[in-house]
Amino acid sequence: KVLTRLDKGYRAVALEAKKFEPRILMLVHGYDYALPRKNGKWLGTPMKGKGFSHDDPISPKIIAFLVDRFNELLKAVDADFAHVRHVNVRGTVKGRWHDELHPKEAAARDVAKLFEKEIRPLLVS
């Protein structure tokens, strides 16, 4: 149900963005493989509420599965809309997390480089 809502939402935003600005480029990403932490606000605590400890070996596998599914959804939106680009950031942070969802500065710079690859060809010199 959540993925269906996300799919509909991203498609609605893509349509509205194109109406608002016909020359728009919409960049989307589906996160990297984050790691749940003990008492973590975004992953650790919610997973604990579902019966999974942050250090249970299956916890990062669950996160990876969800991240992959979300990225596949975004790739499908990319395929259906010429002005949408899916930026695959999976495998970029490589454990360099500030918290459960946000990378440390060096990792964030690596993620930004992926976005730059999409944007740079569009810049007018």
Protein backbone atom coordinates (compact mmCIF):
# COMPACT_ATOMS: atom_id res chain seq x y z
CA LYS A 1 0.00 0.00 0.00
CA VAL A 2 2.80 2.40 0.87
CA LEU A 3 4.63 1.82 -2.40
CA THR A 4 1.41 2.31 -4.35
CA ARG A 5 0.83 5.64 -2.58
CA LEU A 6 4.43 6.69 -3.25
CA ASP A 7 4.15 5.75 -6.91
CA LYS A 8 0.96 7.74 -7.34
CA GLY A 9 2.46 10.67 -5.43
CA TYR A 10 5.68 10.84 -7.46
CA ARG A 11 3.73 10.58 -10.70
CA ALA A 12 1.37 13.35 -9.60
CA VAL A 13 4.31 15.60 -8.70
CA ALA A 14 5.97 14.82 -12.05
CA LEU A 15 2.80 15.81 -13.93
CA GLU A 16 2.26 18.99 -11.91
CA ALA A 17 5.91 20.03 -12.16
CA LYS A 18 5.82 19.67 -15.96
CA LYS A 19 2.63 21.76 -16.13
CA PHE A 20 4.19 24.46 -13.95
CA GLU A 21 7.51 24.54 -15.85
CA PRO A 22 7.67 22.68 -19.17
CA ARG A 23 11.50 22.75 -19.21
CA ILE A 24 11.83 21.27 -15.72
CA LEU A 25 14.18 18.44 -14.83
CA MET A 26 13.08 16.49 -11.77
CA LEU A 27 15.81 14.51 -10.02
CA VAL A 28 14.74 11.76 -7.62
CA HIS A 29 16.65 9.31 -5.47
CA GLY A 30 15.64 6.39 -3.29
CA TYR A 31 18.27 6.56 -0.54
CA ASP A 32 21.26 4.40 0.20
CA TYR A 33 21.39 1.33 2.39
CA ALA A 34 20.96 2.93 5.79
CA LEU A 35 21.65 1.07 9.01
CA PRO A 36 19.23 0.97 11.93
CA ARG A 37 20.68 2.17 15.24
CA LYS A 38 19.65 1.46 18.80
CA ASN A 39 16.89 3.93 19.65
CA GLY A 40 17.25 5.46 16.19
CA LYS A 41 14.46 7.86 15.37
CA TRP A 42 13.83 6.76 11.76
CA LEU A 43 14.76 3.07 11.68
CA GLY A 44 15.87 1.57 14.98
CA THR A 45 12.84 2.52 17.06
CA PRO A 46 10.22 1.77 14.37
CA MET A 47 11.86 -1.59 13.67
CA LYS A 48 11.92 -2.38 17.38
CA GLY A 49 8.18 -1.68 17.39
CA LYS A 50 7.81 -4.35 14.71
CA GLY A 51 9.85 -6.86 16.72
CA PHE A 52 13.28 -6.41 15.13
CA SER A 53 16.33 -5.32 17.09
CA HIS A 54 18.68 -2.81 15.48
CA ASP A 55 21.49 -5.38 15.70
CA ASP A 56 19.48 -8.35 14.40
CA PRO A 57 21.23 -9.56 11.21
CA ILE A 58 17.94 -9.39 9.32
CA SER A 59 17.37 -5.68 10.08
CA PRO A 60 19.78 -4.28 7.45
CA LYS A 61 18.44 -6.85 4.98
CA ILE A 62 14.92 -5.52 5.52
CA ILE A 63 16.13 -1.97 4.99
CA ALA A 64 18.01 -3.02 1.82
CA PHE A 65 14.89 -4.73 0.47
CA LEU A 66 12.80 -1.62 1.07
CA VAL A 67 15.42 0.70 -0.42
CA ASP A 68 15.68 -1.50 -3.51
CA ARG A 69 11.90 -1.60 -3.96
CA PHE A 70 11.69 2.19 -3.62
CA ASN A 71 14.49 2.67 -6.14
CA GLU A 72 12.76 0.34 -8.60
CA LEU A 73 9.61 2.41 -8.25
CA LEU A 74 11.56 5.59 -9.00
CA LYS A 75 13.25 3.97 -12.00
CA ALA A 76 9.78 3.20 -13.37
CA VAL A 77 8.72 6.83 -12.90
CA ASP A 78 11.94 7.88 -14.67
CA ALA A 79 11.10 5.54 -17.56
CA ASP A 80 7.59 6.99 -17.91
CA PHE A 81 8.49 10.70 -17.74
CA ALA A 82 11.14 12.26 -19.97
CA HIS A 83 11.79 15.06 -17.47
CA VAL A 84 12.41 12.75 -14.48
CA ARG A 85 15.82 11.28 -13.72
CA HIS A 86 16.42 8.62 -11.10
CA VAL A 87 19.78 9.18 -9.44
CA ASN A 88 20.92 5.86 -8.01
CA VAL A 89 22.82 6.66 -4.81
CA ARG A 90 22.84 3.10 -3.46
CA GLY A 91 26.28 1.98 -2.37
CA THR A 92 27.64 5.53 -2.18
CA VAL A 93 27.58 6.26 1.56
CA LYS A 94 29.41 3.02 2.41
CA GLY A 95 28.75 3.16 6.15
CA ARG A 96 29.64 6.86 6.49
CA TRP A 97 26.41 7.77 8.26
CA HIS A 98 25.92 10.80 10.51
CA ASP A 99 22.73 9.23 11.78
CA GLU A 100 20.36 6.62 10.41
CA LEU A 101 19.39 8.50 7.25
CA HIS A 102 21.87 11.31 6.76
CA PRO A 103 25.41 10.81 5.48
CA LYS A 104 28.50 12.42 6.91
CA GLU A 105 29.88 15.35 4.94
CA ALA A 106 32.33 13.37 2.75
CA ALA A 107 29.63 10.86 1.85
CA ALA A 108 27.16 13.67 1.14
CA ARG A 109 29.69 15.16 -1.26
CA ASP A 110 29.93 11.80 -3.04
CA VAL A 111 26.14 11.71 -3.34
CA ALA A 112 26.15 15.31 -4.65
CA LYS A 113 28.60 14.30 -7.39
CA LEU A 114 26.01 11.85 -8.70
CA PHE A 115 23.48 14.67 -8.96
CA GLU A 116 26.07 16.90 -10.59
CA LYS A 117 26.53 14.32 -13.36
CA GLU A 118 22.86 14.80 -14.27
CA ILE A 119 22.85 18.58 -13.93
CA ARG A 120 26.20 19.57 -15.49
CA PRO A 121 25.25 18.72 -19.11
CA LEU A 122 22.26 21.07 -18.82
CA LEU A 123 24.27 24.09 -17.71
CA VAL A 124 24.70 26.79 -20.30
CA SER A 125 28.25 28.12 -20.44
